[in-house]
Amino acid sequence: MNRPDRMPTLPGEALVEFRDGDFRVIRPGPFVRCAVTGVAIALDDLKYWDVDRNEAYASPQAKLQRLGVPVKL
């Protein structure tokens, strides 16, 4: 959770703990950032994350890219 390589949290950005099947908002905000692309993801639209890395992803392709799987766009 306290990964030194994470992007700094911006004002308005939520701080979230990802769990299996859901997530817990630790600090309220309207969005989180994709760990791969940096794009803002509205909490209402958040569907993809990694529990072990505690990272959010904007799309399945972003998750695959993080895992090192070649992705064709």
N, C-alpha and C. Protein backbone atom coordinates (compact mmCIF):
# COMPACT_ATOMS: atom_id res chain seq x y z
N MET A 1 0.81 -1.18 0.00
CA MET A 1 0.00 0.00 0.00
C MET A 1 0.85 1.25 0.00
N ASN A 2 1.93 1.27 0.73
CA ASN A 2 2.79 2.44 0.78
C ASN A 2 3.96 2.28 -0.17
N ARG A 3 3.67 2.05 -1.42
CA ARG A 3 4.71 1.82 -2.42
C ARG A 3 5.39 3.13 -2.76
N PRO A 4 6.70 3.19 -2.71
CA PRO A 4 7.41 4.43 -3.01
C PRO A 4 7.35 4.82 -4.47
N ASP A 5 7.06 3.88 -5.39
CA ASP A 5 7.04 4.20 -6.81
C ASP A 5 5.67 4.66 -7.30
N ARG A 6 4.71 4.78 -6.42
CA ARG A 6 3.38 5.26 -6.82
C ARG A 6 3.41 6.75 -7.08
N MET A 7 2.53 7.18 -7.97
CA MET A 7 2.40 8.61 -8.25
C MET A 7 1.88 9.31 -7.00
N PRO A 8 2.35 10.53 -6.72
CA PRO A 8 1.82 11.24 -5.55
C PRO A 8 0.32 11.50 -5.72
N THR A 9 -0.37 11.48 -4.63
CA THR A 9 -1.81 11.69 -4.64
C THR A 9 -2.12 13.17 -4.85
N LEU A 10 -3.02 13.45 -5.75
CA LEU A 10 -3.40 14.82 -6.06
C LEU A 10 -4.62 15.21 -5.25
N PRO A 11 -4.82 16.52 -5.01
CA PRO A 11 -6.04 16.94 -4.31
C PRO A 11 -7.27 16.43 -5.07
N GLY A 12 -8.20 15.86 -4.36
CA GLY A 12 -9.40 15.34 -4.98
C GLY A 12 -9.30 13.88 -5.34
N GLU A 13 -8.08 13.34 -5.40
CA GLU A 13 -7.90 11.93 -5.72
C GLU A 13 -8.19 11.08 -4.49
N ALA A 14 -8.98 10.04 -4.68
CA ALA A 14 -9.32 9.14 -3.56
C ALA A 14 -8.14 8.24 -3.25
N LEU A 15 -8.03 7.85 -2.01
CA LEU A 15 -7.09 6.84 -1.59
C LEU A 15 -7.91 5.60 -1.29
N VAL A 16 -7.58 4.50 -1.96
CA VAL A 16 -8.43 3.31 -1.94
C VAL A 16 -7.62 2.09 -1.56
N GLU A 17 -8.21 1.21 -0.76
CA GLU A 17 -7.64 -0.10 -0.47
C GLU A 17 -8.44 -1.12 -1.27
N PHE A 18 -7.76 -1.80 -2.17
CA PHE A 18 -8.43 -2.77 -3.04
C PHE A 18 -8.49 -4.12 -2.36
N ARG A 19 -9.65 -4.76 -2.45
CA ARG A 19 -9.91 -6.07 -1.85
C ARG A 19 -10.44 -6.99 -2.93
N ASP A 20 -10.56 -8.25 -2.59
CA ASP A 20 -11.15 -9.21 -3.53
C ASP A 20 -12.63 -8.88 -3.71
N GLY A 21 -13.01 -8.45 -4.90
CA GLY A 21 -14.40 -8.20 -5.22
C GLY A 21 -14.93 -6.83 -4.85
N ASP A 22 -14.18 -6.04 -4.07
CA ASP A 22 -14.62 -4.68 -3.75
C ASP A 22 -13.41 -3.85 -3.32
N PHE A 23 -13.66 -2.63 -2.95
CA PHE A 23 -12.60 -1.76 -2.47
C PHE A 23 -13.14 -0.88 -1.35
N ARG A 24 -12.23 -0.40 -0.53
CA ARG A 24 -12.59 0.45 0.59
C ARG A 24 -11.96 1.82 0.39
N VAL A 25 -12.75 2.86 0.46
CA VAL A 25 -12.25 4.23 0.31
C VAL A 25 -11.67 4.67 1.65
N ILE A 26 -10.39 4.97 1.66
CA ILE A 26 -9.71 5.42 2.86
C ILE A 26 -9.78 6.94 2.96
N ARG A 27 -9.54 7.61 1.84
CA ARG A 27 -9.70 9.06 1.78
C ARG A 27 -10.63 9.37 0.61
N PRO A 28 -11.76 10.02 0.88
CA PRO A 28 -12.74 10.29 -0.17
C PRO A 28 -12.18 11.15 -1.30
N GLY A 29 -12.70 10.91 -2.46
CA GLY A 29 -12.38 11.68 -3.64
C GLY A 29 -13.19 11.11 -4.79
N PRO A 30 -13.30 11.85 -5.88
CA PRO A 30 -14.14 11.39 -6.99
C PRO A 30 -13.46 10.39 -7.93
N PHE A 31 -12.13 10.23 -7.83
CA PHE A 31 -11.44 9.39 -8.79
C PHE A 31 -10.16 8.79 -8.19
N VAL A 32 -9.62 7.78 -8.91
CA VAL A 32 -8.29 7.23 -8.67
C VAL A 32 -7.56 7.27 -10.00
N ARG A 33 -6.27 7.05 -9.99
CA ARG A 33 -5.47 7.06 -11.21
C ARG A 33 -5.10 5.65 -11.63
N CYS A 34 -5.14 5.41 -12.94
CA CYS A 34 -4.68 4.14 -13.49
C CYS A 34 -3.17 4.04 -13.25
N ALA A 35 -2.72 2.91 -12.72
CA ALA A 35 -1.31 2.70 -12.42
C ALA A 35 -0.44 2.61 -13.67
N VAL A 36 -1.04 2.33 -14.81
CA VAL A 36 -0.28 2.17 -16.05
C VAL A 36 -0.34 3.44 -16.90
N THR A 37 -1.53 3.96 -17.11
CA THR A 37 -1.70 5.09 -18.03
C THR A 37 -1.74 6.45 -17.34
N GLY A 38 -2.06 6.46 -16.04
CA GLY A 38 -2.18 7.73 -15.32
C GLY A 38 -3.51 8.43 -15.52
N VAL A 39 -4.40 7.84 -16.29
CA VAL A 39 -5.70 8.45 -16.55
C VAL A 39 -6.56 8.39 -15.29
N ALA A 40 -7.37 9.42 -15.08
CA ALA A 40 -8.28 9.45 -13.93
C ALA A 40 -9.46 8.50 -14.19
N ILE A 41 -9.81 7.70 -13.17
CA ILE A 41 -10.92 6.76 -13.26
C ILE A 41 -11.91 7.14 -12.17
N ALA A 42 -13.12 7.51 -12.56
CA ALA A 42 -14.16 7.82 -11.59
C ALA A 42 -14.44 6.57 -10.76
N LEU A 43 -14.62 6.73 -9.46
CA LEU A 43 -14.87 5.57 -8.60
C LEU A 43 -16.08 4.77 -9.07
N ASP A 44 -17.08 5.46 -9.60
CA ASP A 44 -18.27 4.77 -10.11
C ASP A 44 -17.95 3.89 -11.33
N ASP A 45 -16.86 4.21 -12.04
CA ASP A 45 -16.48 3.47 -13.24
C ASP A 45 -15.35 2.48 -12.99
N LEU A 46 -14.84 2.40 -11.78
CA LEU A 46 -13.70 1.54 -11.45
C LEU A 46 -14.12 0.08 -11.48
N LYS A 47 -13.49 -0.70 -12.38
CA LYS A 47 -13.83 -2.12 -12.52
C LYS A 47 -12.63 -3.04 -12.43
N TYR A 48 -11.42 -2.50 -12.64
CA TYR A 48 -10.24 -3.34 -12.73
C TYR A 48 -9.19 -2.88 -11.74
N TRP A 49 -8.70 -3.83 -10.91
CA TRP A 49 -7.64 -3.50 -9.97
C TRP A 49 -6.88 -4.77 -9.60
N ASP A 50 -5.76 -4.57 -8.94
CA ASP A 50 -4.93 -5.67 -8.46
C ASP A 50 -4.83 -5.55 -6.95
N VAL A 51 -5.29 -6.57 -6.24
CA VAL A 51 -5.30 -6.56 -4.78
C VAL A 51 -3.88 -6.56 -4.23
N ASP A 52 -3.02 -7.43 -4.75
CA ASP A 52 -1.66 -7.56 -4.24
C ASP A 52 -0.84 -6.29 -4.46
N ARG A 53 -0.99 -5.65 -5.58
CA ARG A 53 -0.25 -4.42 -5.89
C ARG A 53 -0.98 -3.17 -5.39
N ASN A 54 -2.24 -3.32 -5.03
CA ASN A 54 -3.11 -2.20 -4.64
C ASN A 54 -3.08 -1.11 -5.70
N GLU A 55 -3.35 -1.52 -6.94
CA GLU A 55 -3.34 -0.61 -8.09
C GLU A 55 -4.66 -0.70 -8.84
N ALA A 56 -5.06 0.44 -9.38
CA ALA A 56 -6.25 0.52 -10.23
C ALA A 56 -5.82 0.54 -11.69
N TYR A 57 -6.69 0.03 -12.56
CA TYR A 57 -6.42 0.01 -14.00
C TYR A 57 -7.64 0.53 -14.75
N ALA A 58 -7.39 1.29 -15.79
CA ALA A 58 -8.47 1.90 -16.57
C ALA A 58 -9.16 0.89 -17.48
N SER A 59 -8.46 -0.21 -17.82
CA SER A 59 -9.02 -1.19 -18.75
C SER A 59 -8.34 -2.53 -18.55
N PRO A 60 -8.92 -3.58 -19.12
CA PRO A 60 -8.24 -4.88 -19.05
C PRO A 60 -6.88 -4.85 -19.76
N GLN A 61 -6.78 -4.06 -20.83
CA GLN A 61 -5.52 -3.93 -21.56
C GLN A 61 -4.43 -3.32 -20.68
N ALA A 62 -4.80 -2.35 -19.85
CA ALA A 62 -3.83 -1.73 -18.95
C ALA A 62 -3.33 -2.76 -17.94
N LYS A 63 -4.20 -3.59 -17.42
CA LYS A 63 -3.81 -4.65 -16.47
C LYS A 63 -2.86 -5.63 -17.15
N LEU A 64 -3.19 -6.05 -18.37
CA LEU A 64 -2.32 -6.97 -19.10
C LEU A 64 -0.95 -6.34 -19.37
N GLN A 65 -0.95 -5.06 -19.72
CA GLN A 65 0.30 -4.35 -19.95
C GLN A 65 1.15 -4.35 -18.68
N ARG A 66 0.56 -4.12 -17.53
CA ARG A 66 1.28 -4.14 -16.26
C ARG A 66 1.90 -5.51 -15.99
N LEU A 67 1.19 -6.57 -16.43
CA LEU A 67 1.68 -7.93 -16.23
C LEU A 67 2.71 -8.34 -17.28
N GLY A 68 2.96 -7.47 -18.25
CA GLY A 68 3.96 -7.75 -19.26
C GLY A 68 3.45 -8.57 -20.43
N VAL A 69 2.14 -8.67 -20.56
CA VAL A 69 1.54 -9.41 -21.66
C VAL A 69 1.42 -8.48 -22.86
N PRO A 70 1.92 -8.89 -24.04
CA PRO A 70 1.79 -8.03 -25.23
C PRO A 70 0.32 -7.77 -25.54
N VAL A 71 -0.01 -6.50 -25.77
CA VAL A 71 -1.39 -6.11 -26.03
C VAL A 71 -1.46 -5.43 -27.38
N LYS A 72 -2.35 -5.92 -28.25
CA LYS A 72 -2.59 -5.29 -29.55
C LYS A 72 -3.74 -4.33 -29.40
N LEU A 73 -3.56 -3.10 -29.84
CA LEU A 73 -4.64 -2.11 -29.78
C LEU A 73 -5.25 -1.88 -31.12
